[in-house]
Amino acid sequence: MGIVQKMLNYDTCVYWALASNESGGIAYDDYGQPLYTDPVELKCRWDGVAKEFVDAKGTTLVSRAVVYVESDVDVGGLLFHGTLDELDSGLDPRTQDGAWEIKRFDKIPHLKYKWFLRVAYL
């Protein structure tokens, strides 16, 4: 087990993926806001650092946090540092205090493609 897998064992985050509609695109509510799936807990390493990165549109942004996660996440999804028990129940994830939008996601393979480093920029 590599050091990255070991460091993922010590922290937890909550992830909301973007919901999809019947045709496979993003589902939106009546006001044009994206809909999200039910939250799930992921193992992670949450670093609250300001790091400069370039998003998919080529815009240079500064992150609120860099999160190393155990599985793939979607750009546009939301991450919250904590557990499901710590969430304010019944709230729209967009109004959940501490839930941030994923602006960039990188999946970097190990040299022998045995595992991947997955990094989300918020």
PDB file of N, CA and C in Angstrom:
ATOM      1  N   MET A   1       0.854  -1.179   0.000  1.00  0.00           N
ATOM      2  CA  MET A   1       0.000   0.000   0.000  1.00  0.00           C
ATOM      3  C   MET A   1       0.895   1.235   0.000  1.00  0.00           C
ATOM      4  N   GLY A   2       0.614   2.153  -0.920  1.00  0.00           N
ATOM      5  CA  GLY A   2       1.407   3.358  -1.022  1.00  0.00           C
ATOM      6  C   GLY A   2       1.021   4.401   0.007  1.00  0.00           C
ATOM      7  N   ILE A   3       1.836   5.434   0.085  1.00  0.00           N
ATOM      8  CA  ILE A   3       1.600   6.491   1.067  1.00  0.00           C
ATOM      9  C   ILE A   3       0.294   7.232   0.786  1.00  0.00           C
ATOM     10  N   VAL A   4      -0.085   7.359  -0.490  1.00  0.00           N
ATOM     11  CA  VAL A   4      -1.332   8.055  -0.820  1.00  0.00           C
ATOM     12  C   VAL A   4      -2.534   7.278  -0.292  1.00  0.00           C
ATOM     13  N   GLN A   5      -2.546   5.953  -0.478  1.00  0.00           N
ATOM     14  CA  GLN A   5      -3.653   5.148   0.036  1.00  0.00           C
ATOM     15  C   GLN A   5      -3.711   5.217   1.558  1.00  0.00           C
ATOM     16  N   LYS A   6      -2.570   5.244   2.216  1.00  0.00           N
ATOM     17  CA  LYS A   6      -2.537   5.332   3.676  1.00  0.00           C
ATOM     18  C   LYS A   6      -3.108   6.658   4.166  1.00  0.00           C
ATOM     19  N   MET A   7      -2.781   7.745   3.481  1.00  0.00           N
ATOM     20  CA  MET A   7      -3.254   9.044   3.954  1.00  0.00           C
ATOM     21  C   MET A   7      -4.756   9.220   3.719  1.00  0.00           C
ATOM     22  N   LEU A   8      -5.355   8.424   2.801  1.00  0.00           N
ATOM     23  CA  LEU A   8      -6.795   8.501   2.583  1.00  0.00           C
ATOM     24  C   LEU A   8      -7.582   7.855   3.710  1.00  0.00           C
ATOM     25  N   ASN A   9      -6.938   7.086   4.565  1.00  0.00           N
ATOM     26  CA  ASN A   9      -7.631   6.382   5.639  1.00  0.00           C
ATOM     27  C   ASN A   9      -7.955   7.261   6.834  1.00  0.00           C
ATOM     28  N   TYR A  10      -7.522   8.500   6.847  1.00  0.00           N
ATOM     29  CA  TYR A  10      -7.625   9.312   8.053  1.00  0.00           C
ATOM     30  C   TYR A  10      -8.665  10.422   8.020  1.00  0.00           C
ATOM     31  N   ASP A  11      -9.323  10.615   6.896  1.00  0.00           N
ATOM     32  CA  ASP A  11     -10.262  11.726   6.804  1.00  0.00           C
ATOM     33  C   ASP A  11     -11.489  11.295   6.004  1.00  0.00           C
ATOM     34  N   THR A  12     -12.562  12.062   6.143  1.00  0.00           N
ATOM     35  CA  THR A  12     -13.822  11.748   5.467  1.00  0.00           C
ATOM     36  C   THR A  12     -14.409  13.020   4.878  1.00  0.00           C
ATOM     37  N   CYS A  13     -15.022  12.872   3.707  1.00  0.00           N
ATOM     38  CA  CYS A  13     -15.762  13.978   3.106  1.00  0.00           C
ATOM     39  C   CYS A  13     -17.077  13.435   2.565  1.00  0.00           C
ATOM     40  N   VAL A  14     -18.001  14.341   2.298  1.00  0.00           N
ATOM     41  CA  VAL A  14     -19.301  13.993   1.736  1.00  0.00           C
ATOM     42  C   VAL A  14     -19.343  14.543   0.315  1.00  0.00           C
ATOM     43  N   TYR A  15     -19.832  13.707  -0.604  1.00  0.00           N
ATOM     44  CA  TYR A  15     -19.851  14.055  -2.023  1.00  0.00           C
ATOM     45  C   TYR A  15     -21.268  13.997  -2.579  1.00  0.00           C
ATOM     46  N   TRP A  16     -21.659  15.043  -3.304  1.00  0.00           N
ATOM     47  CA  TRP A  16     -22.901  15.076  -4.068  1.00  0.00           C
ATOM     48  C   TRP A  16     -22.524  15.117  -5.542  1.00  0.00           C
ATOM     49  N   ALA A  17     -22.928  14.116  -6.316  1.00  0.00           N
ATOM     50  CA  ALA A  17     -22.687  14.110  -7.756  1.00  0.00           C
ATOM     51  C   ALA A  17     -23.805  14.872  -8.449  1.00  0.00           C
ATOM     52  N   LEU A  18     -23.540  15.342  -9.639  1.00  0.00           N
ATOM     53  CA  LEU A  18     -24.588  15.971 -10.441  1.00  0.00           C
ATOM     54  C   LEU A  18     -25.575  14.898 -10.883  1.00  0.00           C
ATOM     55  N   ALA A  19     -26.860  15.177 -10.749  1.00  0.00           N
ATOM     56  CA  ALA A  19     -27.894  14.238 -11.188  1.00  0.00           C
ATOM     57  C   ALA A  19     -28.026  14.314 -12.706  1.00  0.00           C
ATOM     58  N   SER A  20     -28.383  13.192 -13.310  1.00  0.00           N
ATOM     59  CA  SER A  20     -28.552  13.185 -14.763  1.00  0.00           C
ATOM     60  C   SER A  20     -30.022  12.992 -15.121  1.00  0.00           C
ATOM     61  N   ASN A  21     -30.386  13.491 -16.296  1.00  0.00           N
ATOM     62  CA  ASN A  21     -31.763  13.331 -16.770  1.00  0.00           C
ATOM     63  C   ASN A  21     -31.873  12.076 -17.630  1.00  0.00           C
ATOM     64  N   GLU A  22     -33.031  11.839 -18.213  1.00  0.00           N
ATOM     65  CA  GLU A  22     -33.268  10.623 -18.995  1.00  0.00           C
ATOM     66  C   GLU A  22     -32.328  10.486 -20.184  1.00  0.00           C
ATOM     67  N   SER A  23     -31.923  11.590 -20.773  1.00  0.00           N
ATOM     68  CA  SER A  23     -31.059  11.535 -21.955  1.00  0.00           C
ATOM     69  C   SER A  23     -29.574  11.505 -21.599  1.00  0.00           C
ATOM     70  N   GLY A  24     -29.249  11.482 -20.304  1.00  0.00           N
ATOM     71  CA  GLY A  24     -27.853  11.381 -19.892  1.00  0.00           C
ATOM     72  C   GLY A  24     -27.184  12.712 -19.597  1.00  0.00           C
ATOM     73  N   GLY A  25     -27.877  13.808 -19.820  1.00  0.00           N
ATOM     74  CA  GLY A  25     -27.320  15.126 -19.512  1.00  0.00           C
ATOM     75  C   GLY A  25     -27.568  15.501 -18.064  1.00  0.00           C
ATOM     76  N   ILE A  26     -27.151  16.691 -17.695  1.00  0.00           N
ATOM     77  CA  ILE A  26     -27.335  17.175 -16.330  1.00  0.00           C
ATOM     78  C   ILE A  26     -28.796  17.553 -16.113  1.00  0.00           C
ATOM     79  N   ALA A  27     -29.361  17.137 -14.984  1.00  0.00           N
ATOM     80  CA  ALA A  27     -30.743  17.478 -14.643  1.00  0.00           C
ATOM     81  C   ALA A  27     -30.775  18.834 -13.942  1.00  0.00           C
ATOM     82  N   TYR A  28     -31.767  19.653 -14.293  1.00  0.00           N
ATOM     83  CA  TYR A  28     -31.917  20.986 -13.716  1.00  0.00           C
ATOM     84  C   TYR A  28     -33.298  21.127 -13.088  1.00  0.00           C
ATOM     85  N   ASP A  29     -33.381  22.000 -12.078  1.00  0.00           N
ATOM     86  CA  ASP A  29     -34.683  22.281 -11.468  1.00  0.00           C
ATOM     87  C   ASP A  29     -35.414  23.350 -12.281  1.00  0.00           C
ATOM     88  N   ASP A  30     -36.559  23.798 -11.784  1.00  0.00           N
ATOM     89  CA  ASP A  30     -37.377  24.781 -12.503  1.00  0.00           C
ATOM     90  C   ASP A  30     -36.710  26.142 -12.635  1.00  0.00           C
ATOM     91  N   TYR A  31     -35.673  26.397 -11.843  1.00  0.00           N
ATOM     92  CA  TYR A  31     -34.978  27.688 -11.859  1.00  0.00           C
ATOM     93  C   TYR A  31     -33.651  27.630 -12.598  1.00  0.00           C
ATOM     94  N   GLY A  32     -33.375  26.506 -13.250  1.00  0.00           N
ATOM     95  CA  GLY A  32     -32.142  26.371 -14.014  1.00  0.00           C
ATOM     96  C   GLY A  32     -30.925  25.985 -13.193  1.00  0.00           C
ATOM     97  N   GLN A  33     -31.126  25.596 -11.939  1.00  0.00           N
ATOM     98  CA  GLN A  33     -30.020  25.170 -11.079  1.00  0.00           C
ATOM     99  C   GLN A  33     -29.838  23.657 -11.206  1.00  0.00           C
ATOM    100  N   PRO A  34     -28.603  23.166 -11.210  1.00  0.00           N
ATOM    101  CA  PRO A  34     -28.379  21.720 -11.335  1.00  0.00           C
ATOM    102  C   PRO A  34     -28.915  20.970 -10.116  1.00  0.00           C
ATOM    103  N   LEU A  35     -29.376  19.743 -10.356  1.00  0.00           N
ATOM    104  CA  LEU A  35     -29.828  18.866  -9.285  1.00  0.00           C
ATOM    105  C   LEU A  35     -28.697  17.909  -8.913  1.00  0.00           C
ATOM    106  N   TYR A  36     -28.709  17.448  -7.661  1.00  0.00           N
ATOM    107  CA  TYR A  36     -27.649  16.576  -7.166  1.00  0.00           C
ATOM    108  C   TYR A  36     -28.219  15.260  -6.660  1.00  0.00           C
ATOM    109  N   THR A  37     -27.386  14.232  -6.671  1.00  0.00           N
ATOM    110  CA  THR A  37     -27.764  12.934  -6.129  1.00  0.00           C
ATOM    111  C   THR A  37     -27.704  12.985  -4.607  1.00  0.00           C
ATOM    112  N   ASP A  38     -28.117  11.902  -3.971  1.00  0.00           N
ATOM    113  CA  ASP A  38     -28.010  11.804  -2.517  1.00  0.00           C
ATOM    114  C   ASP A  38     -26.541  11.803  -2.122  1.00  0.00           C
ATOM    115  N   PRO A  39     -26.208  12.356  -0.954  1.00  0.00           N
ATOM    116  CA  PRO A  39     -24.804  12.427  -0.541  1.00  0.00           C
ATOM    117  C   PRO A  39     -24.247  11.062  -0.152  1.00  0.00           C
ATOM    118  N   VAL A  40     -22.955  10.891  -0.411  1.00  0.00           N
ATOM    119  CA  VAL A  40     -22.232   9.680  -0.009  1.00  0.00           C
ATOM    120  C   VAL A  40     -20.929  10.089   0.664  1.00  0.00           C
ATOM    121  N   GLU A  41     -20.471   9.274   1.598  1.00  0.00           N
ATOM    122  CA  GLU A  41     -19.193   9.526   2.263  1.00  0.00           C
ATOM    123  C   GLU A  41     -18.060   8.905   1.458  1.00  0.00           C
ATOM    124  N   LEU A  42     -16.939   9.619   1.376  1.00  0.00           N
ATOM    125  CA  LEU A  42     -15.731   9.132   0.730  1.00  0.00           C
ATOM    126  C   LEU A  42     -14.560   9.277   1.690  1.00  0.00           C
ATOM    127  N   LYS A  43     -13.609   8.356   1.589  1.00  0.00           N
ATOM    128  CA  LYS A  43     -12.346   8.549   2.290  1.00  0.00           C
ATOM    129  C   LYS A  43     -11.565   9.607   1.516  1.00  0.00           C
ATOM    130  N   CYS A  44     -10.848  10.442   2.249  1.00  0.00           N
ATOM    131  CA  CYS A  44     -10.135  11.516   1.565  1.00  0.00           C
ATOM    132  C   CYS A  44      -8.956  12.009   2.399  1.00  0.00           C
ATOM    133  N   ARG A  45      -8.225  12.912   1.799  1.00  0.00           N
ATOM    134  CA  ARG A  45      -7.230  13.740   2.479  1.00  0.00           C
ATOM    135  C   ARG A  45      -7.564  15.168   2.073  1.00  0.00           C
ATOM    136  N   TRP A  46      -8.025  15.974   3.026  1.00  0.00           N
ATOM    137  CA  TRP A  46      -8.491  17.334   2.747  1.00  0.00           C
ATOM    138  C   TRP A  46      -7.388  18.309   3.134  1.00  0.00           C
ATOM    139  N   ASP A  47      -6.860  19.022   2.161  1.00  0.00           N
ATOM    140  CA  ASP A  47      -5.845  20.044   2.422  1.00  0.00           C
ATOM    141  C   ASP A  47      -6.464  21.410   2.130  1.00  0.00           C
ATOM    142  N   GLY A  48      -6.632  22.208   3.151  1.00  0.00           N
ATOM    143  CA  GLY A  48      -7.222  23.539   2.995  1.00  0.00           C
ATOM    144  C   GLY A  48      -6.183  24.544   2.539  1.00  0.00           C
ATOM    145  N   VAL A  49      -5.688  24.357   1.335  1.00  0.00           N
ATOM    146  CA  VAL A  49      -4.633  25.221   0.813  1.00  0.00           C
ATOM    147  C   VAL A  49      -5.132  25.997  -0.400  1.00  0.00           C
ATOM    148  N   ALA A  50      -4.608  27.180  -0.562  1.00  0.00           N
ATOM    149  CA  ALA A  50      -4.891  27.987  -1.748  1.00  0.00           C
ATOM    150  C   ALA A  50      -3.833  27.639  -2.789  1.00  0.00           C
ATOM    151  N   LYS A  51      -4.269  26.964  -3.842  1.00  0.00           N
ATOM    152  CA  LYS A  51      -3.346  26.524  -4.880  1.00  0.00           C
ATOM    153  C   LYS A  51      -3.883  26.990  -6.225  1.00  0.00           C
ATOM    154  N   GLU A  52      -3.029  27.582  -7.022  1.00  0.00           N
ATOM    155  CA  GLU A  52      -3.438  28.073  -8.334  1.00  0.00           C
ATOM    156  C   GLU A  52      -3.578  26.894  -9.294  1.00  0.00           C
ATOM    157  N   PHE A  53      -4.674  26.901 -10.095  1.00  0.00           N
ATOM    158  CA  PHE A  53      -4.894  25.857 -11.092  1.00  0.00           C
ATOM    159  C   PHE A  53      -5.660  26.445 -12.267  1.00  0.00           C
ATOM    160  N   VAL A  54      -5.715  25.715 -13.357  1.00  0.00           N
ATOM    161  CA  VAL A  54      -6.434  26.143 -14.557  1.00  0.00           C
ATOM    162  C   VAL A  54      -7.636  25.222 -14.731  1.00  0.00           C
ATOM    163  N   ASP A  55      -8.842  25.804 -14.877  1.00  0.00           N
ATOM    164  CA  ASP A  55     -10.048  24.989 -15.043  1.00  0.00           C
ATOM    165  C   ASP A  55     -10.200  24.563 -16.507  1.00  0.00           C
ATOM    166  N   ALA A  56     -11.289  23.856 -16.821  1.00  0.00           N
ATOM    167  CA  ALA A  56     -11.511  23.320 -18.165  1.00  0.00           C
ATOM    168  C   ALA A  56     -11.677  24.407 -19.222  1.00  0.00           C
ATOM    169  N   LYS A  57     -12.070  25.608 -18.809  1.00  0.00           N
ATOM    170  CA  LYS A  57     -12.250  26.717 -19.757  1.00  0.00           C
ATOM    171  C   LYS A  57     -10.963  27.504 -19.980  1.00  0.00           C
ATOM    172  N   GLY A  58      -9.894  27.127 -19.269  1.00  0.00           N
ATOM    173  CA  GLY A  58      -8.620  27.821 -19.416  1.00  0.00           C
ATOM    174  C   GLY A  58      -8.450  29.001 -18.486  1.00  0.00           C
ATOM    175  N   THR A  59      -9.354  29.165 -17.542  1.00  0.00           N
ATOM    176  CA  THR A  59      -9.296  30.261 -16.588  1.00  0.00           C
ATOM    177  C   THR A  59      -8.413  29.873 -15.409  1.00  0.00           C
ATOM    178  N   THR A  60      -7.531  30.764 -15.007  1.00  0.00           N
ATOM    179  CA  THR A  60      -6.697  30.515 -13.841  1.00  0.00           C
ATOM    180  C   THR A  60      -7.471  30.883 -12.586  1.00  0.00           C
ATOM    181  N   LEU A  61      -7.586  29.922 -11.664  1.00  0.00           N
ATOM    182  CA  LEU A  61      -8.322  30.104 -10.417  1.00  0.00           C
ATOM    183  C   LEU A  61      -7.433  29.745  -9.240  1.00  0.00           C
ATOM    184  N   VAL A  62      -7.865  30.107  -8.046  1.00  0.00           N
ATOM    185  CA  VAL A  62      -7.173  29.728  -6.814  1.00  0.00           C
ATOM    186  C   VAL A  62      -8.132  28.876  -5.994  1.00  0.00           C
ATOM    187  N   SER A  63      -7.669  27.722  -5.554  1.00  0.00           N
ATOM    188  CA  SER A  63      -8.534  26.786  -4.838  1.00  0.00           C
ATOM    189  C   SER A  63      -8.793  27.228  -3.406  1.00  0.00           C
ATOM    190  N   ARG A  64      -9.928  26.769  -2.870  1.00  0.00           N
ATOM    191  CA  ARG A  64     -10.221  26.897  -1.444  1.00  0.00           C
ATOM    192  C   ARG A  64      -9.593  25.730  -0.707  1.00  0.00           C
ATOM    193  N   ALA A  65      -9.553  24.581  -1.398  1.00  0.00           N
ATOM    194  CA  ALA A  65      -8.980  23.361  -0.839  1.00  0.00           C
ATOM    195  C   ALA A  65      -8.592  22.435  -1.985  1.00  0.00           C
ATOM    196  N   VAL A  66      -7.655  21.543  -1.694  1.00  0.00           N
ATOM    197  CA  VAL A  66      -7.283  20.462  -2.596  1.00  0.00           C
ATOM    198  C   VAL A  66      -7.600  19.173  -1.852  1.00  0.00           C
ATOM    199  N   VAL A  67      -8.414  18.311  -2.476  1.00  0.00           N
ATOM    200  CA  VAL A  67      -8.895  17.105  -1.803  1.00  0.00           C
ATOM    201  C   VAL A  67      -8.470  15.877  -2.598  1.00  0.00           C
ATOM    202  N   TYR A  68      -7.757  14.972  -1.942  1.00  0.00           N
ATOM    203  CA  TYR A  68      -7.376  13.696  -2.525  1.00  0.00           C
ATOM    204  C   TYR A  68      -8.461  12.693  -2.145  1.00  0.00           C
ATOM    205  N   VAL A  69      -9.117  12.083  -3.130  1.00  0.00           N
ATOM    206  CA  VAL A  69     -10.266  11.221  -2.871  1.00  0.00           C
ATOM    207  C   VAL A  69      -9.997   9.795  -3.342  1.00  0.00           C
ATOM    208  N   GLU A  70     -10.806   8.852  -2.830  1.00  0.00           N
ATOM    209  CA  GLU A  70     -10.619   7.438  -3.129  1.00  0.00           C
ATOM    210  C   GLU A  70     -11.259   7.007  -4.447  1.00  0.00           C
ATOM    211  N   SER A  71     -12.196   7.790  -4.981  1.00  0.00           N
ATOM    212  CA  SER A  71     -12.858   7.417  -6.225  1.00  0.00           C
ATOM    213  C   SER A  71     -13.079   8.665  -7.084  1.00  0.00           C
ATOM    214  N   ASP A  72     -13.465   8.439  -8.328  1.00  0.00           N
ATOM    215  CA  ASP A  72     -13.683   9.550  -9.248  1.00  0.00           C
ATOM    216  C   ASP A  72     -14.848  10.427  -8.788  1.00  0.00           C
ATOM    217  N   VAL A  73     -14.720  11.722  -9.018  1.00  0.00           N
ATOM    218  CA  VAL A  73     -15.777  12.691  -8.739  1.00  0.00           C
ATOM    219  C   VAL A  73     -15.980  13.555  -9.979  1.00  0.00           C
ATOM    220  N   ASP A  74     -17.137  14.191 -10.080  1.00  0.00           N
ATOM    221  CA  ASP A  74     -17.474  15.006 -11.251  1.00  0.00           C
ATOM    222  C   ASP A  74     -17.194  16.475 -11.007  1.00  0.00           C
ATOM    223  N   VAL A  75     -16.663  17.146 -12.022  1.00  0.00           N
ATOM    224  CA  VAL A  75     -16.572  18.604 -11.977  1.00  0.00           C
ATOM    225  C   VAL A  75     -18.003  19.127 -11.933  1.00  0.00           C
ATOM    226  N   GLY A  76     -18.272  20.041 -11.022  1.00  0.00           N
ATOM    227  CA  GLY A  76     -19.618  20.551 -10.824  1.00  0.00           C
ATOM    228  C   GLY A  76     -20.299  19.911  -9.631  1.00  0.00           C
ATOM    229  N   GLY A  77     -19.796  18.755  -9.181  1.00  0.00           N
ATOM    230  CA  GLY A  77     -20.306  18.134  -7.970  1.00  0.00           C
ATOM    231  C   GLY A  77     -19.859  18.941  -6.754  1.00  0.00           C
ATOM    232  N   LEU A  78     -20.290  18.525  -5.579  1.00  0.00           N
ATOM    233  CA  LEU A  78     -19.963  19.248  -4.352  1.00  0.00           C
ATOM    234  C   LEU A  78     -19.264  18.334  -3.357  1.00  0.00           C
ATOM    235  N   LEU A  79     -18.319  18.896  -2.597  1.00  0.00           N
ATOM    236  CA  LEU A  79     -17.649  18.181  -1.518  1.00  0.00           C
ATOM    237  C   LEU A  79     -17.781  18.966  -0.224  1.00  0.00           C
ATOM    238  N   PHE A  80     -17.961  18.236   0.873  1.00  0.00           N
ATOM    239  CA  PHE A  80     -18.078  18.799   2.220  1.00  0.00           C
ATOM    240  C   PHE A  80     -17.092  18.063   3.111  1.00  0.00           C
ATOM    241  N   HIS A  81     -16.299  18.787   3.876  1.00  0.00           N
ATOM    242  CA  HIS A  81     -15.320  18.170   4.770  1.00  0.00           C
ATOM    243  C   HIS A  81     -16.021  17.733   6.052  1.00  0.00           C
ATOM    244  N   GLY A  82     -16.244  16.440   6.189  1.00  0.00           N
ATOM    245  CA  GLY A  82     -16.915  15.902   7.359  1.00  0.00           C
ATOM    246  C   GLY A  82     -17.663  14.635   7.005  1.00  0.00           C
ATOM    247  N   THR A  83     -18.588  14.234   7.876  1.00  0.00           N
ATOM    248  CA  THR A  83     -19.365  13.020   7.686  1.00  0.00           C
ATOM    249  C   THR A  83     -20.829  13.362   7.416  1.00  0.00           C
ATOM    250  N   LEU A  84     -21.594  12.347   7.033  1.00  0.00           N
ATOM    251  CA  LEU A  84     -23.026  12.549   6.795  1.00  0.00           C
ATOM    252  C   LEU A  84     -23.737  13.017   8.056  1.00  0.00           C
ATOM    253  N   ASP A  85     -23.286  12.549   9.219  1.00  0.00           N
ATOM    254  CA  ASP A  85     -23.898  12.946  10.489  1.00  0.00           C
ATOM    255  C   ASP A  85     -23.718  14.428  10.801  1.00  0.00           C
ATOM    256  N   GLU A  86     -22.718  15.058  10.216  1.00  0.00           N
ATOM    257  CA  GLU A  86     -22.425  16.461  10.485  1.00  0.00           C
ATOM    258  C   GLU A  86     -23.187  17.418   9.578  1.00  0.00           C
ATOM    259  N   LEU A  87     -23.927  16.887   8.600  1.00  0.00           N
ATOM    260  CA  LEU A  87     -24.672  17.739   7.672  1.00  0.00           C
ATOM    261  C   LEU A  87     -25.923  18.298   8.329  1.00  0.00           C
ATOM    262  N   ASP A  88     -26.337  19.482   7.875  1.00  0.00           N
ATOM    263  CA  ASP A  88     -27.628  20.045   8.278  1.00  0.00           C
ATOM    264  C   ASP A  88     -28.682  19.322   7.444  1.00  0.00           C
ATOM    265  N   SER A  89     -29.497  18.498   8.084  1.00  0.00           N
ATOM    266  CA  SER A  89     -30.446  17.658   7.343  1.00  0.00           C
ATOM    267  C   SER A  89     -31.484  18.493   6.609  1.00  0.00           C
ATOM    268  N   GLY A  90     -31.862  17.996   5.443  1.00  0.00           N
ATOM    269  CA  GLY A  90     -32.918  18.627   4.673  1.00  0.00           C
ATOM    270  C   GLY A  90     -32.499  19.831   3.852  1.00  0.00           C
ATOM    271  N   LEU A  91     -31.253  20.243   3.967  1.00  0.00           N
ATOM    272  CA  LEU A  91     -30.810  21.415   3.210  1.00  0.00           C
ATOM    273  C   LEU A  91     -30.402  21.034   1.798  1.00  0.00           C
ATOM    274  N   ASP A  92     -30.665  21.931   0.876  1.00  0.00           N
ATOM    275  CA  ASP A  92     -30.133  21.817  -0.468  1.00  0.00           C
ATOM    276  C   ASP A  92     -28.614  21.824  -0.337  1.00  0.00           C
ATOM    277  N   PRO A  93     -27.906  20.919  -1.016  1.00  0.00           N
ATOM    278  CA  PRO A  93     -26.447  20.888  -0.853  1.00  0.00           C
ATOM    279  C   PRO A  93     -25.754  22.197  -1.213  1.00  0.00           C
ATOM    280  N   ARG A  94     -26.385  22.999  -2.090  1.00  0.00           N
ATOM    281  CA  ARG A  94     -25.776  24.288  -2.455  1.00  0.00           C
ATOM    282  C   ARG A  94     -25.794  25.266  -1.295  1.00  0.00           C
ATOM    283  N   THR A  95     -26.712  25.081  -0.336  1.00  0.00           N
ATOM    284  CA  THR A  95     -26.782  25.979   0.814  1.00  0.00           C
ATOM    285  C   THR A  95     -26.144  25.369   2.060  1.00  0.00           C
ATOM    286  N   GLN A  96     -25.579  24.175   1.926  1.00  0.00           N
ATOM    287  CA  GLN A  96     -24.907  23.519   3.041  1.00  0.00           C
ATOM    288  C   GLN A  96     -23.621  24.281   3.356  1.00  0.00           C
ATOM    289  N   ASP A  97     -23.503  24.765   4.579  1.00  0.00           N
ATOM    290  CA  ASP A  97     -22.308  25.504   4.977  1.00  0.00           C
ATOM    291  C   ASP A  97     -21.089  24.591   4.902  1.00  0.00           C
ATOM    292  N   GLY A  98     -20.088  24.980   4.128  1.00  0.00           N
ATOM    293  CA  GLY A  98     -18.865  24.196   4.000  1.00  0.00           C
ATOM    294  C   GLY A  98     -18.836  23.268   2.807  1.00  0.00           C
ATOM    295  N   ALA A  99     -19.905  23.207   2.012  1.00  0.00           N
ATOM    296  CA  ALA A  99     -19.918  22.401   0.791  1.00  0.00           C
ATOM    297  C   ALA A  99     -19.444  23.275  -0.365  1.00  0.00           C
ATOM    298  N   TRP A 100     -18.425  22.808  -1.068  1.00  0.00           N
ATOM    299  CA  TRP A 100     -17.826  23.595  -2.147  1.00  0.00           C
ATOM    300  C   TRP A 100     -17.917  22.848  -3.474  1.00  0.00           C
ATOM    301  N   GLU A 101     -18.058  23.609  -4.549  1.00  0.00           N
ATOM    302  CA  GLU A 101     -18.127  23.027  -5.884  1.00  0.00           C
ATOM    303  C   GLU A 101     -16.759  22.561  -6.346  1.00  0.00           C
ATOM    304  N   ILE A 102     -16.730  21.413  -7.004  1.00  0.00           N
ATOM    305  CA  ILE A 102     -15.499  20.877  -7.592  1.00  0.00           C
ATOM    306  C   ILE A 102     -15.261  21.617  -8.904  1.00  0.00           C
ATOM    307  N   LYS A 103     -14.156  22.317  -8.989  1.00  0.00           N
ATOM    308  CA  LYS A 103     -13.839  23.118 -10.178  1.00  0.00           C
ATOM    309  C   LYS A 103     -12.945  22.366 -11.163  1.00  0.00           C
ATOM    310  N   ARG A 104     -12.150  21.407 -10.635  1.00  0.00           N
ATOM    311  CA  ARG A 104     -11.256  20.620 -11.488  1.00  0.00           C
ATOM    312  C   ARG A 104     -11.037  19.274 -10.826  1.00  0.00           C
ATOM    313  N   PHE A 105     -10.901  18.234 -11.649  1.00  0.00           N
ATOM    314  CA  PHE A 105     -10.608  16.894 -11.147  1.00  0.00           C
ATOM    315  C   PHE A 105      -9.511  16.288 -12.005  1.00  0.00           C
ATOM    316  N   ASP A 106      -8.468  15.790 -11.357  1.00  0.00           N
ATOM    317  CA  ASP A 106      -7.363  15.124 -12.048  1.00  0.00           C
ATOM    318  C   ASP A 106      -7.272  13.685 -11.577  1.00  0.00           C
ATOM    319  N   LYS A 107      -7.021  12.782 -12.514  1.00  0.00           N
ATOM    320  CA  LYS A 107      -6.830  11.360 -12.211  1.00  0.00           C
ATOM    321  C   LYS A 107      -5.477  10.974 -12.798  1.00  0.00           C
ATOM    322  N   ILE A 108      -4.494  10.814 -11.920  1.00  0.00           N
ATOM    323  CA  ILE A 108      -3.116  10.587 -12.337  1.00  0.00           C
ATOM    324  C   ILE A 108      -2.744   9.134 -12.066  1.00  0.00           C
ATOM    325  N   PRO A 109      -2.341   8.376 -13.103  1.00  0.00           N
ATOM    326  CA  PRO A 109      -2.027   6.964 -12.893  1.00  0.00           C
ATOM    327  C   PRO A 109      -0.655   6.760 -12.255  1.00  0.00           C
ATOM    328  N   HIS A 110      -0.554   5.680 -11.486  1.00  0.00           N
ATOM    329  CA  HIS A 110       0.726   5.203 -10.981  1.00  0.00           C
ATOM    330  C   HIS A 110       1.515   4.695 -12.186  1.00  0.00           C
ATOM    331  N   LEU A 111       2.809   4.571 -12.060  1.00  0.00           N
ATOM    332  CA  LEU A 111       3.646   4.161 -13.188  1.00  0.00           C
ATOM    333  C   LEU A 111       3.179   2.858 -13.826  1.00  0.00           C
ATOM    334  N   LYS A 112       2.729   1.906 -13.045  1.00  0.00           N
ATOM    335  CA  LYS A 112       2.284   0.622 -13.585  1.00  0.00           C
ATOM    336  C   LYS A 112       0.757   0.527 -13.674  1.00  0.00           C
ATOM    337  N   TYR A 113       0.076   1.642 -13.530  1.00  0.00           N
ATOM    338  CA  TYR A 113      -1.383   1.717 -13.625  1.00  0.00           C
ATOM    339  C   TYR A 113      -2.091   0.786 -12.635  1.00  0.00           C
ATOM    340  N   LYS A 114      -1.475   0.550 -11.484  1.00  0.00           N
ATOM    341  CA  LYS A 114      -2.108  -0.281 -10.458  1.00  0.00           C
ATOM    342  C   LYS A 114      -3.087   0.531  -9.627  1.00  0.00           C
ATOM    343  N   TRP A 115      -2.865   1.810  -9.506  1.00  0.00           N
ATOM    344  CA  TRP A 115      -3.762   2.696  -8.770  1.00  0.00           C
ATOM    345  C   TRP A 115      -3.635   4.096  -9.347  1.00  0.00           C
ATOM    346  N   PHE A 116      -4.570   4.954  -8.947  1.00  0.00           N
ATOM    347  CA  PHE A 116      -4.608   6.325  -9.450  1.00  0.00           C
ATOM    348  C   PHE A 116      -4.630   7.303  -8.286  1.00  0.00           C
ATOM    349  N   LEU A 117      -3.989   8.429  -8.477  1.00  0.00           N
ATOM    350  CA  LEU A 117      -4.099   9.553  -7.557  1.00  0.00           C
ATOM    351  C   LEU A 117      -5.228  10.427  -8.089  1.00  0.00           C
ATOM    352  N   ARG A 118      -6.271  10.618  -7.276  1.00  0.00           N
ATOM    353  CA  ARG A 118      -7.433  11.404  -7.680  1.00  0.00           C
ATOM    354  C   ARG A 118      -7.460  12.691  -6.858  1.00  0.00           C
ATOM    355  N   VAL A 119      -7.438  13.831  -7.571  1.00  0.00           N
ATOM    356  CA  VAL A 119      -7.322  15.129  -6.911  1.00  0.00           C
ATOM    357  C   VAL A 119      -8.452  16.039  -7.378  1.00  0.00           C
ATOM    358  N   ALA A 120      -9.188  16.589  -6.397  1.00  0.00           N
ATOM    359  CA  ALA A 120     -10.263  17.536  -6.688  1.00  0.00           C
ATOM    360  C   ALA A 120      -9.858  18.913  -6.182  1.00  0.00           C
ATOM    361  N   TYR A 121     -10.033  19.922  -7.013  1.00  0.00           N
ATOM    362  CA  TYR A 121      -9.753  21.305  -6.635  1.00  0.00           C
ATOM    363  C   TYR A 121     -11.076  22.009  -6.416  1.00  0.00           C
ATOM    364  N   LEU A 122     -11.242  22.612  -5.245  1.00  0.00           N
ATOM    365  CA  LEU A 122     -12.490  23.298  -4.909  1.00  0.00           C
ATOM    366  C   LEU A 122     -12.323  24.799  -5.001  1.00  0.00           C
TER     367      LEU A 122
END
